[in-house]
Amino acid sequence: MNSYRVSFYKDRFNSEGHSFKCLQHQIVVQSDGPSQALVLAEQLIGHAPLDIDRVEVMHLTRGHRELRHPEIEPLTLCT
């Protein structure tokens, strides 16, 4: 199994009208591939009231510590 970091983002605009992605939720999971990592991450965050515009799945190298359980970072909202 491999480690993947799955990040969920909301697209926002700053006061000058420039767009940026705002991290809404991030989770590290163990899975056989990136597609499975995304499905698992979506299941683990459940039906949280998130307005997600984009998702990034990143494979973590062997140097990243091995996980026994999914690592879920708290919800971060941009204002």
PDB file of N, CA and C in Angstrom:
ATOM      1  N   MET A   1       0.844  -1.189   0.000  1.00  0.00           N
ATOM      2  CA  MET A   1       0.000   0.000   0.000  1.00  0.00           C
ATOM      3  C   MET A   1       0.885   1.246   0.000  1.00  0.00           C
ATOM      4  N   ASN A   2       0.319   2.308  -0.540  1.00  0.00           N
ATOM      5  CA  ASN A   2       1.007   3.587  -0.613  1.00  0.00           C
ATOM      6  C   ASN A   2       0.259   4.630   0.202  1.00  0.00           C
ATOM      7  N   SER A   3       0.972   5.687   0.580  1.00  0.00           N
ATOM      8  CA  SER A   3       0.358   6.814   1.284  1.00  0.00           C
ATOM      9  C   SER A   3       0.019   7.909   0.287  1.00  0.00           C
ATOM     10  N   TYR A   4      -1.180   8.480   0.449  1.00  0.00           N
ATOM     11  CA  TYR A   4      -1.633   9.576  -0.405  1.00  0.00           C
ATOM     12  C   TYR A   4      -2.200  10.691   0.464  1.00  0.00           C
ATOM     13  N   ARG A   5      -1.909  11.932   0.092  1.00  0.00           N
ATOM     14  CA  ARG A   5      -2.520  13.093   0.736  1.00  0.00           C
ATOM     15  C   ARG A   5      -3.616  13.594  -0.202  1.00  0.00           C
ATOM     16  N   VAL A   6      -4.837  13.648   0.311  1.00  0.00           N
ATOM     17  CA  VAL A   6      -5.975  14.112  -0.482  1.00  0.00           C
ATOM     18  C   VAL A   6      -6.409  15.464   0.089  1.00  0.00           C
ATOM     19  N   SER A   7      -6.392  16.483  -0.769  1.00  0.00           N
ATOM     20  CA  SER A   7      -6.728  17.847  -0.356  1.00  0.00           C
ATOM     21  C   SER A   7      -7.976  18.315  -1.093  1.00  0.00           C
ATOM     22  N   PHE A   8      -8.908  18.883  -0.341  1.00  0.00           N
ATOM     23  CA  PHE A   8     -10.167  19.385  -0.885  1.00  0.00           C
ATOM     24  C   PHE A   8     -10.141  20.915  -0.824  1.00  0.00           C
ATOM     25  N   TYR A   9     -10.410  21.574  -1.948  1.00  0.00           N
ATOM     26  CA  TYR A   9     -10.305  23.027  -2.045  1.00  0.00           C
ATOM     27  C   TYR A   9     -11.605  23.680  -2.507  1.00  0.00           C
ATOM     28  N   LYS A  10     -11.773  24.924  -2.092  1.00  0.00           N
ATOM     29  CA  LYS A  10     -12.847  25.804  -2.565  1.00  0.00           C
ATOM     30  C   LYS A  10     -12.183  26.955  -3.307  1.00  0.00           C
ATOM     31  N   ASP A  11     -12.687  27.295  -4.485  1.00  0.00           N
ATOM     32  CA  ASP A  11     -12.163  28.439  -5.226  1.00  0.00           C
ATOM     33  C   ASP A  11     -12.724  29.723  -4.621  1.00  0.00           C
ATOM     34  N   ARG A  12     -11.844  30.687  -4.378  1.00  0.00           N
ATOM     35  CA  ARG A  12     -12.229  31.977  -3.793  1.00  0.00           C
ATOM     36  C   ARG A  12     -11.626  33.100  -4.632  1.00  0.00           C
ATOM     37  N   PHE A  13     -12.077  34.321  -4.371  1.00  0.00           N
ATOM     38  CA  PHE A  13     -11.535  35.506  -5.022  1.00  0.00           C
ATOM     39  C   PHE A  13     -11.112  36.499  -3.951  1.00  0.00           C
ATOM     40  N   ASN A  14      -9.924  37.117  -4.139  1.00  0.00           N
ATOM     41  CA  ASN A  14      -9.486  38.126  -3.185  1.00  0.00           C
ATOM     42  C   ASN A  14     -10.130  39.466  -3.527  1.00  0.00           C
ATOM     43  N   SER A  15      -9.801  40.498  -2.763  1.00  0.00           N
ATOM     44  CA  SER A  15     -10.431  41.805  -2.946  1.00  0.00           C
ATOM     45  C   SER A  15     -10.096  42.439  -4.293  1.00  0.00           C
ATOM     46  N   GLU A  16      -9.031  41.972  -4.936  1.00  0.00           N
ATOM     47  CA  GLU A  16      -8.653  42.493  -6.251  1.00  0.00           C
ATOM     48  C   GLU A  16      -9.223  41.647  -7.388  1.00  0.00           C
ATOM     49  N   GLY A  17     -10.014  40.634  -7.049  1.00  0.00           N
ATOM     50  CA  GLY A  17     -10.654  39.802  -8.054  1.00  0.00           C
ATOM     51  C   GLY A  17      -9.819  38.641  -8.554  1.00  0.00           C
ATOM     52  N   HIS A  18      -8.658  38.421  -7.939  1.00  0.00           N
ATOM     53  CA  HIS A  18      -7.808  37.301  -8.333  1.00  0.00           C
ATOM     54  C   HIS A  18      -8.273  36.038  -7.616  1.00  0.00           C
ATOM     55  N   SER A  19      -8.317  34.933  -8.346  1.00  0.00           N
ATOM     56  CA  SER A  19      -8.784  33.685  -7.741  1.00  0.00           C
ATOM     57  C   SER A  19      -7.645  32.973  -7.015  1.00  0.00           C
ATOM     58  N   PHE A  20      -8.001  32.226  -5.987  1.00  0.00           N
ATOM     59  CA  PHE A  20      -7.063  31.377  -5.268  1.00  0.00           C
ATOM     60  C   PHE A  20      -7.824  30.184  -4.733  1.00  0.00           C
ATOM     61  N   LYS A  21      -7.092  29.114  -4.441  1.00  0.00           N
ATOM     62  CA  LYS A  21      -7.747  27.932  -3.888  1.00  0.00           C
ATOM     63  C   LYS A  21      -7.565  27.938  -2.375  1.00  0.00           C
ATOM     64  N   CYS A  22      -8.650  27.690  -1.693  1.00  0.00           N
ATOM     65  CA  CYS A  22      -8.686  27.714  -0.235  1.00  0.00           C
ATOM     66  C   CYS A  22      -8.846  26.277   0.268  1.00  0.00           C
ATOM     67  N   LEU A  23      -7.883  25.817   1.052  1.00  0.00           N
ATOM     68  CA  LEU A  23      -7.931  24.458   1.579  1.00  0.00           C
ATOM     69  C   LEU A  23      -9.101  24.318   2.547  1.00  0.00           C
ATOM     70  N   GLN A  24      -9.975  23.360   2.280  1.00  0.00           N
ATOM     71  CA  GLN A  24     -11.134  23.106   3.128  1.00  0.00           C
ATOM     72  C   GLN A  24     -10.914  21.905   4.044  1.00  0.00           C
ATOM     73  N   HIS A  25     -10.210  20.903   3.527  1.00  0.00           N
ATOM     74  CA  HIS A  25      -9.996  19.674   4.294  1.00  0.00           C
ATOM     75  C   HIS A  25      -8.823  18.927   3.680  1.00  0.00           C
ATOM     76  N   GLN A  26      -8.053  18.243   4.528  1.00  0.00           N
ATOM     77  CA  GLN A  26      -6.926  17.456   4.021  1.00  0.00           C
ATOM     78  C   GLN A  26      -6.821  16.177   4.839  1.00  0.00           C
ATOM     79  N   ILE A  27      -6.551  15.069   4.145  1.00  0.00           N
ATOM     80  CA  ILE A  27      -6.478  13.781   4.814  1.00  0.00           C
ATOM     81  C   ILE A  27      -5.384  12.947   4.162  1.00  0.00           C
ATOM     82  N   VAL A  28      -4.659  12.177   4.969  1.00  0.00           N
ATOM     83  CA  VAL A  28      -3.645  11.248   4.468  1.00  0.00           C
ATOM     84  C   VAL A  28      -4.183   9.840   4.679  1.00  0.00           C
ATOM     85  N   VAL A  29      -4.190   9.050   3.597  1.00  0.00           N
ATOM     86  CA  VAL A  29      -4.735   7.693   3.648  1.00  0.00           C
ATOM     87  C   VAL A  29      -3.762   6.708   3.015  1.00  0.00           C
ATOM     88  N   GLN A  30      -3.950   5.440   3.332  1.00  0.00           N
ATOM     89  CA  GLN A  30      -3.214   4.336   2.717  1.00  0.00           C
ATOM     90  C   GLN A  30      -4.138   3.685   1.695  1.00  0.00           C
ATOM     91  N   SER A  31      -3.650   3.507   0.463  1.00  0.00           N
ATOM     92  CA  SER A  31      -4.457   2.822  -0.547  1.00  0.00           C
ATOM     93  C   SER A  31      -3.557   2.262  -1.631  1.00  0.00           C
ATOM     94  N   ASP A  32      -4.158   1.469  -2.515  1.00  0.00           N
ATOM     95  CA  ASP A  32      -3.411   0.860  -3.615  1.00  0.00           C
ATOM     96  C   ASP A  32      -3.152   1.838  -4.755  1.00  0.00           C
ATOM     97  N   GLY A  33      -3.945   2.890  -4.873  1.00  0.00           N
ATOM     98  CA  GLY A  33      -3.776   3.838  -5.965  1.00  0.00           C
ATOM     99  C   GLY A  33      -4.489   5.143  -5.684  1.00  0.00           C
ATOM    100  N   PRO A  34      -4.268   6.166  -6.518  1.00  0.00           N
ATOM    101  CA  PRO A  34      -4.863   7.479  -6.273  1.00  0.00           C
ATOM    102  C   PRO A  34      -6.389   7.496  -6.351  1.00  0.00           C
ATOM    103  N   SER A  35      -6.972   6.724  -7.234  1.00  0.00           N
ATOM    104  CA  SER A  35      -8.441   6.695  -7.335  1.00  0.00           C
ATOM    105  C   SER A  35      -9.056   6.137  -6.066  1.00  0.00           C
ATOM    106  N   GLN A  36      -8.468   5.057  -5.558  1.00  0.00           N
ATOM    107  CA  GLN A  36      -8.955   4.459  -4.318  1.00  0.00           C
ATOM    108  C   GLN A  36      -8.736   5.420  -3.145  1.00  0.00           C
ATOM    109  N   ALA A  37      -7.625   6.164  -3.164  1.00  0.00           N
ATOM    110  CA  ALA A  37      -7.346   7.138  -2.103  1.00  0.00           C
ATOM    111  C   ALA A  37      -8.432   8.208  -2.058  1.00  0.00           C
ATOM    112  N   LEU A  38      -8.852   8.681  -3.224  1.00  0.00           N
ATOM    113  CA  LEU A  38      -9.906   9.696  -3.287  1.00  0.00           C
ATOM    114  C   LEU A  38     -11.222   9.156  -2.744  1.00  0.00           C
ATOM    115  N   VAL A  39     -11.594   7.964  -3.146  1.00  0.00           N
ATOM    116  CA  VAL A  39     -12.842   7.355  -2.668  1.00  0.00           C
ATOM    117  C   VAL A  39     -12.798   7.191  -1.151  1.00  0.00           C
ATOM    118  N   LEU A  40     -11.690   6.695  -0.624  1.00  0.00           N
ATOM    119  CA  LEU A  40     -11.543   6.499   0.818  1.00  0.00           C
ATOM    120  C   LEU A  40     -11.617   7.834   1.559  1.00  0.00           C
ATOM    121  N   ALA A  41     -10.929   8.849   1.049  1.00  0.00           N
ATOM    122  CA  ALA A  41     -10.946  10.165   1.694  1.00  0.00           C
ATOM    123  C   ALA A  41     -12.354  10.744   1.718  1.00  0.00           C
ATOM    124  N   GLU A  42     -13.076  10.614   0.618  1.00  0.00           N
ATOM    125  CA  GLU A  42     -14.456  11.110   0.575  1.00  0.00           C
ATOM    126  C   GLU A  42     -15.329  10.386   1.597  1.00  0.00           C
ATOM    127  N   GLN A  43     -15.118   9.098   1.767  1.00  0.00           N
ATOM    128  CA  GLN A  43     -15.889   8.332   2.752  1.00  0.00           C
ATOM    129  C   GLN A  43     -15.543   8.774   4.170  1.00  0.00           C
ATOM    130  N   LEU A  44     -14.260   9.041   4.423  1.00  0.00           N
ATOM    131  CA  LEU A  44     -13.822   9.393   5.770  1.00  0.00           C
ATOM    132  C   LEU A  44     -14.269  10.784   6.200  1.00  0.00           C
ATOM    133  N   ILE A  45     -14.352  11.728   5.269  1.00  0.00           N
ATOM    134  CA  ILE A  45     -14.824  13.057   5.676  1.00  0.00           C
ATOM    135  C   ILE A  45     -16.344  13.097   5.726  1.00  0.00           C
ATOM    136  N   GLY A  46     -16.982  12.092   5.165  1.00  0.00           N
ATOM    137  CA  GLY A  46     -18.435  11.961   5.282  1.00  0.00           C
ATOM    138  C   GLY A  46     -19.185  13.061   4.583  1.00  0.00           C
ATOM    139  N   HIS A  47     -20.288  13.432   5.169  1.00  0.00           N
ATOM    140  CA  HIS A  47     -21.167  14.435   4.571  1.00  0.00           C
ATOM    141  C   HIS A  47     -20.933  15.793   5.211  1.00  0.00           C
ATOM    142  N   ALA A  48     -19.664  16.126   5.432  1.00  0.00           N
ATOM    143  CA  ALA A  48     -19.341  17.436   5.999  1.00  0.00           C
ATOM    144  C   ALA A  48     -19.872  18.524   5.070  1.00  0.00           C
ATOM    145  N   PRO A  49     -20.343  19.615   5.643  1.00  0.00           N
ATOM    146  CA  PRO A  49     -20.924  20.682   4.805  1.00  0.00           C
ATOM    147  C   PRO A  49     -19.838  21.469   4.070  1.00  0.00           C
ATOM    148  N   LEU A  50     -19.162  20.812   3.152  1.00  0.00           N
ATOM    149  CA  LEU A  50     -18.087  21.452   2.409  1.00  0.00           C
ATOM    150  C   LEU A  50     -18.555  21.776   1.000  1.00  0.00           C
ATOM    151  N   ASP A  51     -18.151  22.903   0.525  1.00  0.00           N
ATOM    152  CA  ASP A  51     -18.444  23.284  -0.849  1.00  0.00           C
ATOM    153  C   ASP A  51     -17.134  23.124  -1.617  1.00  0.00           C
ATOM    154  N   ILE A  52     -16.901  21.954  -2.167  1.00  0.00           N
ATOM    155  CA  ILE A  52     -15.632  21.593  -2.792  1.00  0.00           C
ATOM    156  C   ILE A  52     -15.666  21.907  -4.284  1.00  0.00           C
ATOM    157  N   ASP A  53     -14.647  22.622  -4.755  1.00  0.00           N
ATOM    158  CA  ASP A  53     -14.525  22.916  -6.179  1.00  0.00           C
ATOM    159  C   ASP A  53     -13.447  22.075  -6.852  1.00  0.00           C
ATOM    160  N   ARG A  54     -12.431  21.680  -6.098  1.00  0.00           N
ATOM    161  CA  ARG A  54     -11.359  20.873  -6.687  1.00  0.00           C
ATOM    162  C   ARG A  54     -10.734  19.970  -5.634  1.00  0.00           C
ATOM    163  N   VAL A  55     -10.123  18.899  -6.124  1.00  0.00           N
ATOM    164  CA  VAL A  55      -9.475  17.916  -5.254  1.00  0.00           C
ATOM    165  C   VAL A  55      -8.105  17.614  -5.840  1.00  0.00           C
ATOM    166  N   GLU A  56      -7.102  17.488  -4.970  1.00  0.00           N
ATOM    167  CA  GLU A  56      -5.766  17.081  -5.391  1.00  0.00           C
ATOM    168  C   GLU A  56      -5.383  15.833  -4.611  1.00  0.00           C
ATOM    169  N   VAL A  57      -4.841  14.849  -5.311  1.00  0.00           N
ATOM    170  CA  VAL A  57      -4.361  13.618  -4.680  1.00  0.00           C
ATOM    171  C   VAL A  57      -2.865  13.537  -4.950  1.00  0.00           C
ATOM    172  N   MET A  58      -2.059  13.490  -3.879  1.00  0.00           N
ATOM    173  CA  MET A  58      -0.610  13.460  -4.019  1.00  0.00           C
ATOM    174  C   MET A  58      -0.042  12.186  -3.398  1.00  0.00           C
ATOM    175  N   HIS A  59       0.767  11.471  -4.169  1.00  0.00           N
ATOM    176  CA  HIS A  59       1.454  10.283  -3.658  1.00  0.00           C
ATOM    177  C   HIS A  59       2.579  10.750  -2.754  1.00  0.00           C
ATOM    178  N   LEU A  60       2.656  10.191  -1.553  1.00  0.00           N
ATOM    179  CA  LEU A  60       3.715  10.545  -0.613  1.00  0.00           C
ATOM    180  C   LEU A  60       4.848   9.537  -0.741  1.00  0.00           C
ATOM    181  N   THR A  61       6.069  10.022  -0.714  1.00  0.00           N
ATOM    182  CA  THR A  61       7.238   9.164  -0.894  1.00  0.00           C
ATOM    183  C   THR A  61       7.457   8.274   0.318  1.00  0.00           C
ATOM    184  N   ARG A  62       8.327   7.306   0.139  1.00  0.00           N
ATOM    185  CA  ARG A  62       8.646   6.367   1.226  1.00  0.00           C
ATOM    186  C   ARG A  62       9.192   7.065   2.460  1.00  0.00           C
ATOM    187  N   GLY A  63       9.781   8.246   2.289  1.00  0.00           N
ATOM    188  CA  GLY A  63      10.315   8.983   3.426  1.00  0.00           C
ATOM    189  C   GLY A  63       9.234   9.473   4.371  1.00  0.00           C
ATOM    190  N   HIS A  64       8.006   9.536   3.875  1.00  0.00           N
ATOM    191  CA  HIS A  64       6.878   9.946   4.713  1.00  0.00           C
ATOM    192  C   HIS A  64       6.585   8.825   5.686  1.00  0.00           C
ATOM    193  N   ARG A  65       6.316   9.181   6.930  1.00  0.00           N
ATOM    194  CA  ARG A  65       6.087   8.146   7.946  1.00  0.00           C
ATOM    195  C   ARG A  65       4.889   7.275   7.593  1.00  0.00           C
ATOM    196  N   GLU A  66       4.997   6.005   7.902  1.00  0.00           N
ATOM    197  CA  GLU A  66       3.906   5.064   7.635  1.00  0.00           C
ATOM    198  C   GLU A  66       2.753   5.328   8.601  1.00  0.00           C
ATOM    199  N   LEU A  67       1.546   5.199   8.121  1.00  0.00           N
ATOM    200  CA  LEU A  67       0.356   5.461   8.924  1.00  0.00           C
ATOM    201  C   LEU A  67      -0.351   4.170   9.288  1.00  0.00           C
ATOM    202  N   ARG A  68      -0.786   4.091  10.516  1.00  0.00           N
ATOM    203  CA  ARG A  68      -1.596   2.952  10.940  1.00  0.00           C
ATOM    204  C   ARG A  68      -3.080   3.281  10.765  1.00  0.00           C
ATOM    205  N   HIS A  69      -3.425   4.550  10.916  1.00  0.00           N
ATOM    206  CA  HIS A  69      -4.808   5.021  10.771  1.00  0.00           C
ATOM    207  C   HIS A  69      -4.792   6.258   9.880  1.00  0.00           C
ATOM    208  N   PRO A  70      -5.897   6.567   9.229  1.00  0.00           N
ATOM    209  CA  PRO A  70      -5.943   7.791   8.422  1.00  0.00           C
ATOM    210  C   PRO A  70      -5.647   9.010   9.285  1.00  0.00           C
ATOM    211  N   GLU A  71      -4.936   9.944   8.716  1.00  0.00           N
ATOM    212  CA  GLU A  71      -4.590  11.181   9.405  1.00  0.00           C
ATOM    213  C   GLU A  71      -5.460  12.288   8.822  1.00  0.00           C
ATOM    214  N   ILE A  72      -6.365  12.810   9.636  1.00  0.00           N
ATOM    215  CA  ILE A  72      -7.305  13.816   9.159  1.00  0.00           C
ATOM    216  C   ILE A  72      -6.969  15.148   9.809  1.00  0.00           C
ATOM    217  N   GLU A  73      -6.707  16.157   8.983  1.00  0.00           N
ATOM    218  CA  GLU A  73      -6.458  17.489   9.504  1.00  0.00           C
ATOM    219  C   GLU A  73      -7.791  18.205   9.645  1.00  0.00           C
ATOM    220  N   PRO A  74      -7.894  19.091  10.656  1.00  0.00           N
ATOM    221  CA  PRO A  74      -9.172  19.769  10.883  1.00  0.00           C
ATOM    222  C   PRO A  74      -9.571  20.662   9.718  1.00  0.00           C
ATOM    223  N   LEU A  75     -10.858  20.912   9.631  1.00  0.00           N
ATOM    224  CA  LEU A  75     -11.432  21.775   8.611  1.00  0.00           C
ATOM    225  C   LEU A  75     -10.836  23.169   8.725  1.00  0.00           C
ATOM    226  N   THR A  76     -10.394  23.720   7.612  1.00  0.00           N
ATOM    227  CA  THR A  76      -9.835  25.059   7.571  1.00  0.00           C
ATOM    228  C   THR A  76     -10.657  25.896   6.603  1.00  0.00           C
ATOM    229  N   LEU A  77     -11.256  26.955   7.100  1.00  0.00           N
ATOM    230  CA  LEU A  77     -12.069  27.812   6.244  1.00  0.00           C
ATOM    231  C   LEU A  77     -11.336  29.112   5.954  1.00  0.00           C
ATOM    232  N   CYS A  78     -11.400  29.565   4.733  1.00  0.00           N
ATOM    233  CA  CYS A  78     -10.852  30.862   4.347  1.00  0.00           C
ATOM    234  C   CYS A  78     -11.985  31.872   4.373  1.00  0.00           C
ATOM    235  N   THR A  79     -11.660  33.075   4.740  1.00  0.00           N
ATOM    236  CA  THR A  79     -12.686  34.124   4.750  1.00  0.00           C
ATOM    237  C   THR A  79     -12.355  35.200   3.759  1.00  0.00           C
TER     238      THR A  79
END
